[in-house]
């Protein structure tokens, strides 16, 4: 296989990693019934704190820890506002995404366009030598390998363990879980913090690996909304999160390639508005969300019935029943 094509696929896998980590973190807290709408700002703030701490201490580990703590603190604010103060978690999350983005720009303004430490590539012995698959999947860095592990562990936790079943219960039927002795709000705090920490780790994956350094505006601006969309596309399932993140990374790679080399169809160059091209991944993501929404059946009526039925089952994406609702323990 062409070496350039393999390098492109390897880049797609690497670029999808922050989206996988952030979307998995959001899946964890949404499965517990809490929406963290601050993702876009939280990613920027965590990327800033992770890069600045890694730069000043010359330690990538400290940078990663700082980014995770940043994401966890932002998520804790949402949980505290909703569970303890009984405020609307969607409204609080929306305010936080704007506040965090502005804080990232203000606090990181002295560190923009400065070279700093980066997470280096670490090929896995033997696996990296497998033809085609090895260079694409196993000649990566630790953050990429962590994303593989994270998806599997999250799936196993949610669907193969008793604590995972309880987590899904507090996102679906918190009253029933509480009647069985589960401290619903305590667990919602824990899962929201865990999910927020992963969002913070995703922020560090940008500034310390995928898009090293800081820029103004943040280079990952908008990716928090994409991560939220991927969670919906994935039906709150970790393996479909992986698929959604890779699909979006592929769309971005295609868009970037067209901007660099132009659009050629059947050997003929085609004039294309690059402004519209930048919006292509967002448009396709919107279409995908429409297909997985409750109203998908109307769109699928345009297709033959057997195909429409199979697609409807495949694209089924119903949120946890208690998602975004507040539960009062009595």
Protein backbone atom coordinates (compact mmCIF):
# COMPACT_ATOMS: atom_id res chain seq x y z
CA UNK A 1 0.00 0.00 0.00
CA UNK A 2 1.18 3.51 -0.79
CA UNK A 3 3.27 4.99 2.03
CA UNK A 4 1.58 8.39 1.74
CA UNK A 5 -1.86 6.76 2.14
CA UNK A 6 -0.69 4.86 5.24
CA UNK A 7 0.66 8.10 6.73
CA UNK A 8 -2.70 9.77 6.07
CA UNK A 9 -4.56 6.97 7.86
CA UNK A 10 -2.10 7.14 10.75
CA UNK A 11 -2.71 10.90 10.99
CA UNK A 12 -6.49 10.35 11.00
CA UNK A 13 -6.19 7.93 13.92
CA UNK A 14 -4.01 10.40 15.85
CA UNK A 15 -6.27 13.39 15.14
CA UNK A 16 -9.38 11.49 16.25
CA UNK A 17 -7.88 10.66 19.64
CA UNK A 18 -8.92 13.83 21.54
CA UNK A 19 -12.47 13.47 20.23
CA UNK A 20 -12.57 9.84 21.36
CA UNK A 21 -11.37 10.70 24.86
CA UNK A 22 -13.68 13.72 25.25
CA UNK A 23 -16.72 11.88 23.84
CA UNK A 24 -16.06 8.88 26.07
CA UNK A 25 -15.86 11.18 29.10
CA UNK A 26 -19.16 12.81 28.13
CA UNK A 27 -20.71 9.37 27.61
CA UNK A 28 -19.73 8.42 31.17
CA UNK A 29 -21.42 11.38 32.84
CA UNK A 30 -24.44 11.37 30.52
CA UNK A 31 -25.01 7.69 31.27
CA UNK A 32 -25.35 8.86 34.87
CA UNK A 33 -27.88 11.52 33.87
CA UNK A 34 -25.68 14.66 33.82
CA UNK A 35 -25.05 16.78 30.70
CA UNK A 36 -21.73 18.62 30.61
CA UNK A 37 -22.40 21.30 28.03
CA UNK A 38 -19.14 23.09 28.82
CA UNK A 39 -17.04 20.78 26.65
CA UNK A 40 -15.91 23.35 24.10
CA UNK A 41 -14.64 25.80 26.70
CA UNK A 42 -13.39 23.05 29.01
CA UNK A 43 -11.23 21.59 26.24
CA UNK A 44 -9.65 24.99 25.57
CA UNK A 45 -9.00 25.71 29.25
CA UNK A 46 -7.56 22.24 29.88
CA UNK A 47 -5.37 22.50 26.79
CA UNK A 48 -4.03 25.82 28.08
CA UNK A 49 -3.38 24.63 31.64
CA UNK A 50 -1.82 21.37 30.45
CA UNK A 51 0.53 23.09 28.03
CA UNK A 52 1.55 25.88 30.41
CA UNK A 53 2.25 23.49 33.29
CA UNK A 54 4.13 21.08 31.04
CA UNK A 55 6.19 23.98 29.68
CA UNK A 56 7.02 25.60 33.02
CA UNK A 57 7.80 22.33 34.82
CA UNK A 58 9.26 20.56 31.79
CA UNK A 59 7.09 17.57 32.67
CA UNK A 60 4.41 16.21 30.37
CA UNK A 61 2.99 14.14 33.24
CA UNK A 62 2.36 17.25 35.34
CA UNK A 63 0.76 18.90 32.31
CA UNK A 64 -1.60 15.94 31.84
CA UNK A 65 -2.54 15.94 35.53
CA UNK A 66 -3.17 19.70 35.47
CA UNK A 67 -5.42 19.34 32.40
CA UNK A 68 -7.41 16.52 34.03
CA UNK A 69 -7.86 18.54 37.22
CA UNK A 70 -9.04 21.51 35.15
CA UNK A 71 -11.65 19.41 33.38
CA UNK A 72 -12.76 17.81 36.65
CA UNK A 73 -13.18 21.20 38.37
CA UNK A 74 -15.32 22.56 35.54
CA UNK A 75 -17.46 19.41 35.63
CA UNK A 76 -17.74 19.68 39.43
CA UNK A 77 -19.16 23.20 39.08
CA UNK A 78 -21.90 21.83 36.83
CA UNK A 79 -22.67 18.97 39.23
CA UNK A 80 -22.66 21.28 42.25
CA UNK A 81 -24.90 23.83 40.55
CA UNK A 82 -27.38 21.19 39.48
CA UNK A 83 -27.40 18.72 42.36
CA UNK A 84 -26.75 20.96 45.35
CA UNK A 85 -27.94 24.37 44.18
CA UNK A 86 -30.75 22.94 42.00
CA UNK A 87 -29.91 25.04 38.97
CA UNK A 88 -30.41 24.02 35.36
CA UNK A 89 -27.35 22.06 34.25
CA UNK A 90 -27.75 22.99 30.58
CA UNK A 91 -27.79 26.72 31.30
CA UNK A 92 -24.81 26.45 33.68
CA UNK A 93 -22.86 24.39 31.15
CA UNK A 94 -23.52 26.87 28.37
CA UNK A 95 -22.28 29.77 30.51
CA UNK A 96 -19.20 27.80 31.51
CA UNK A 97 -18.23 26.97 27.94
CA UNK A 98 -18.06 30.70 27.15
CA UNK A 99 -16.30 31.56 30.43
CA UNK A 100 -13.71 28.79 30.08
CA UNK A 101 -12.91 29.73 26.49
CA UNK A 102 -12.35 33.36 27.50
CA UNK A 103 -10.22 32.30 30.47
CA UNK A 104 -8.11 30.11 28.20
CA UNK A 105 -7.43 33.06 25.89
CA UNK A 106 -6.67 35.45 28.75
CA UNK A 107 -4.50 33.17 30.89
CA UNK A 108 -2.67 31.66 27.94
CA UNK A 109 -2.00 34.85 25.97
CA UNK A 110 1.66 34.98 27.04
CA UNK A 111 2.26 31.39 25.92
CA UNK A 112 0.85 31.43 22.39
CA UNK A 113 3.05 30.25 19.52
CA UNK A 114 5.75 29.00 21.89
CA UNK A 115 7.38 25.64 21.32
CA UNK A 116 6.97 23.32 24.27
CA UNK A 117 7.15 19.65 25.24
CA UNK A 118 5.26 17.17 23.10
CA UNK A 119 4.13 13.60 23.59
CA UNK A 120 6.42 11.55 21.37
CA UNK A 121 5.57 8.56 19.24
CA UNK A 122 6.11 5.18 20.93
CA UNK A 123 5.76 2.21 18.55
CA UNK A 124 4.64 -1.05 20.17
CA UNK A 125 7.21 -3.82 19.53
CA UNK A 126 6.06 -6.60 17.16
CA UNK A 127 2.59 -5.06 16.67
CA UNK A 128 4.11 -2.05 14.91
CA UNK A 129 5.69 -4.41 12.35
CA UNK A 130 2.37 -5.88 11.18
CA UNK A 131 1.88 -4.89 7.53
CA UNK A 132 -0.49 -1.96 6.97
CA UNK A 133 -2.26 -2.27 10.37
CA UNK A 134 0.92 -1.89 12.39
CA UNK A 135 2.02 1.51 11.03
CA UNK A 136 -1.53 2.87 11.24
CA UNK A 137 -2.57 1.69 14.72
CA UNK A 138 0.59 0.79 16.61
CA UNK A 139 3.18 3.37 15.52
CA UNK A 140 1.44 6.02 17.58
CA UNK A 141 1.85 7.63 21.01
CA UNK A 142 0.54 6.77 24.45
CA UNK A 143 -2.54 8.99 24.12
CA UNK A 144 -3.71 6.99 21.09
CA UNK A 145 -3.16 3.69 22.87
CA UNK A 146 -4.99 5.08 25.88
CA UNK A 147 -7.99 5.90 23.68
CA UNK A 148 -8.17 2.26 22.53
CA UNK A 149 -8.04 1.04 26.11
CA UNK A 150 -10.46 3.68 27.34
CA UNK A 151 -13.17 2.70 24.86
CA UNK A 152 -12.89 -0.98 25.76
CA UNK A 153 -12.77 -0.41 29.53
CA UNK A 154 -15.75 1.96 29.39
CA UNK A 155 -17.78 -0.57 27.38
CA UNK A 156 -16.85 -3.36 29.77
CA UNK A 157 -17.69 -1.21 32.81
CA UNK A 158 -21.08 -0.10 31.50
CA UNK A 159 -22.32 -3.39 30.09
CA UNK A 160 -20.43 -6.16 31.87
CA UNK A 161 -20.16 -5.06 35.51
CA UNK A 162 -22.67 -4.52 38.29
CA UNK A 163 -21.44 -0.96 39.11
CA UNK A 164 -21.85 -0.13 35.42
CA UNK A 165 -25.41 -1.45 35.49
CA UNK A 166 -26.08 0.78 38.52
CA UNK A 167 -24.60 3.75 36.64
CA UNK A 168 -26.96 3.16 33.73
CA UNK A 169 -29.83 2.78 36.18
CA UNK A 170 -29.28 6.22 37.72
CA UNK A 171 -29.33 7.67 34.22
CA UNK A 172 -32.48 5.80 33.24
CA UNK A 173 -34.54 5.28 36.40
CA UNK A 174 -32.97 7.10 39.36
CA UNK A 175 -36.08 6.52 41.48
CA UNK A 176 -35.74 2.75 41.11
CA UNK A 177 -32.02 2.89 41.83
CA UNK A 178 -32.62 5.01 44.93
CA UNK A 179 -35.27 2.57 46.15
CA UNK A 180 -32.60 -0.15 46.01
CA UNK A 181 -30.29 1.87 48.26
CA UNK A 182 -28.15 3.62 45.62
CA UNK A 183 -26.92 7.09 46.55
CA UNK A 184 -27.91 8.60 43.22
CA UNK A 185 -26.56 12.12 43.66
CA UNK A 186 -23.27 10.95 45.16
CA UNK A 187 -22.68 8.70 42.16
CA UNK A 188 -23.67 11.45 39.76
CA UNK A 189 -21.00 13.63 41.35
CA UNK A 190 -18.39 10.89 40.92
CA UNK A 191 -19.22 10.11 37.31
CA UNK A 192 -19.41 13.77 36.37
CA UNK A 193 -15.94 14.32 37.85
CA UNK A 194 -14.60 11.25 36.02
CA UNK A 195 -16.08 12.39 32.74
CA UNK A 196 -14.77 15.92 33.24
CA UNK A 197 -11.27 14.62 33.96
CA UNK A 198 -11.31 12.76 30.64
CA UNK A 199 -12.44 15.93 28.85
CA UNK A 200 -9.46 17.67 30.44
CA UNK A 201 -7.17 14.89 29.25
CA UNK A 202 -8.55 15.37 25.74
CA UNK A 203 -7.64 19.06 25.97
CA UNK A 204 -4.07 18.14 26.83
CA UNK A 205 -4.04 15.70 23.90
CA UNK A 206 -4.53 18.72 21.64
CA UNK A 207 -1.94 21.09 23.06
CA UNK A 208 0.70 18.45 23.80
CA UNK A 209 0.29 16.24 20.77
CA UNK A 210 -2.22 16.80 17.94
CA UNK A 211 -1.87 20.59 17.72
CA UNK A 212 1.17 21.32 19.91
CA UNK A 213 1.24 24.67 21.67
CA UNK A 214 -1.39 27.38 22.06
CA UNK A 215 -3.02 29.67 19.55
CA UNK A 216 -5.55 32.48 19.77
CA UNK A 217 -8.34 31.56 19.12
CA UNK A 218 -7.78 27.99 20.42
CA UNK A 219 -7.02 25.53 17.63
CA UNK A 220 -9.60 23.05 18.96
CA UNK A 221 -12.41 25.61 19.00
CA UNK A 222 -15.68 23.92 18.07
CA UNK A 223 -14.47 20.39 18.81
CA UNK A 224 -16.36 20.31 22.12
CA UNK A 225 -19.64 20.65 20.21
CA UNK A 226 -18.50 17.93 17.83
CA UNK A 227 -17.77 15.65 20.81
CA UNK A 228 -21.30 16.26 22.10
CA UNK A 229 -22.68 15.42 18.66
CA UNK A 230 -20.60 12.24 18.51
CA UNK A 231 -22.09 11.08 21.83
CA UNK A 232 -25.58 11.45 20.36
CA UNK A 233 -24.54 9.80 17.09
CA UNK A 234 -23.03 6.94 19.08
CA UNK A 235 -26.21 6.30 21.03
CA UNK A 236 -24.19 6.65 24.26
CA UNK A 237 -22.19 3.54 23.35
CA UNK A 238 -18.36 3.58 23.57
CA UNK A 239 -17.66 1.56 20.41
CA UNK A 240 -19.89 3.82 18.32
CA UNK A 241 -18.08 6.80 19.87
CA UNK A 242 -14.89 5.38 18.38
CA UNK A 243 -16.57 5.04 14.99
CA UNK A 244 -18.04 8.56 15.10
CA UNK A 245 -14.71 10.16 16.01
CA UNK A 246 -12.90 8.35 13.19
CA UNK A 247 -15.61 9.29 10.68
CA UNK A 248 -15.32 12.95 11.61
CA UNK A 249 -11.52 12.80 11.42
CA UNK A 250 -11.82 11.27 7.93
CA UNK A 251 -14.12 14.11 6.83
CA UNK A 252 -11.61 16.64 8.11
CA UNK A 253 -8.77 14.89 6.30
CA UNK A 254 -10.74 14.93 3.04
CA UNK A 255 -11.53 18.62 3.50
CA UNK A 256 -7.88 19.42 4.19
CA UNK A 257 -6.70 17.42 1.18
CA UNK A 258 -9.13 19.22 -1.15
CA UNK A 259 -7.94 22.59 0.13
CA UNK A 260 -4.33 21.58 -0.51
CA UNK A 261 -4.61 19.74 -3.81
CA UNK A 262 -7.93 20.96 -5.19
CA UNK A 263 -11.00 18.94 -6.14
CA UNK A 264 -10.46 16.67 -9.13
CA UNK A 265 -13.26 14.50 -10.54
CA UNK A 266 -12.58 12.19 -13.51
CA UNK A 267 -9.33 14.00 -14.08
CA UNK A 268 -10.94 17.42 -14.30
CA UNK A 269 -10.33 20.19 -11.69
CA UNK A 270 -13.57 21.44 -10.13
CA UNK A 271 -14.06 24.94 -8.76
CA UNK A 272 -15.11 24.76 -5.11
CA UNK A 273 -15.80 27.39 -2.48
CA UNK A 274 -13.32 26.70 0.33
CA UNK A 275 -15.49 28.51 2.87
CA UNK A 276 -18.25 25.98 2.22
CA UNK A 277 -15.64 23.22 2.26
CA UNK A 278 -14.67 24.08 5.84
CA UNK A 279 -18.29 23.63 6.84
CA UNK A 280 -18.69 20.27 5.10
CA UNK A 281 -17.89 18.09 8.16
CA UNK A 282 -20.38 20.10 10.23
CA UNK A 283 -23.09 19.76 7.58
CA UNK A 284 -22.59 16.01 7.33
CA UNK A 285 -22.59 15.71 11.12
CA UNK A 286 -25.92 17.60 11.21
CA UNK A 287 -27.39 15.22 8.65
CA UNK A 288 -26.15 12.28 10.72
CA UNK A 289 -27.76 13.68 13.87
CA UNK A 290 -31.05 14.05 12.02
CA UNK A 291 -30.83 10.41 10.99
CA UNK A 292 -30.25 9.18 14.53
CA UNK A 293 -32.89 11.43 16.10
CA UNK A 294 -36.39 10.37 17.02
CA UNK A 295 -37.64 11.89 13.76
CA UNK A 296 -35.38 9.72 11.61
CA UNK A 297 -38.30 7.55 10.45
CA UNK A 298 -39.65 10.39 8.25
CA UNK A 299 -36.31 10.81 6.52
CA UNK A 300 -35.96 7.07 6.00
CA UNK A 301 -39.35 6.90 4.28
CA UNK A 302 -37.51 8.02 1.15
CA UNK A 303 -35.76 4.62 1.06
CA UNK A 304 -37.18 1.14 0.30
CA UNK A 305 -38.89 -0.27 3.37
CA UNK A 306 -36.48 -3.20 4.11
CA UNK A 307 -33.47 -0.89 3.88
CA UNK A 308 -35.23 1.80 5.93
CA UNK A 309 -36.06 -0.73 8.67
CA UNK A 310 -32.47 -1.96 8.91
CA UNK A 311 -31.10 1.56 8.98
CA UNK A 312 -33.63 2.55 11.62
CA UNK A 313 -32.48 -0.28 13.89
CA UNK A 314 -28.82 0.47 13.19
CA UNK A 315 -29.17 4.21 13.83
CA UNK A 316 -31.37 3.92 16.90
CA UNK A 317 -30.13 6.48 19.42
CA UNK A 318 -32.38 7.04 22.41
CA UNK A 319 -30.85 9.07 25.28
CA UNK A 320 -30.91 7.92 28.91
CA UNK A 321 -34.45 8.59 30.16
CA UNK A 322 -33.34 10.79 33.09
CA UNK A 323 -30.68 12.68 31.17
CA UNK A 324 -30.58 16.34 32.21
CA UNK A 325 -33.11 15.90 35.02
CA UNK A 326 -32.52 16.65 38.68
CA UNK A 327 -33.18 13.98 41.31
CA UNK A 328 -34.04 14.88 44.88
CA UNK A 329 -33.23 12.22 47.44
CA UNK A 330 -35.74 12.02 50.28
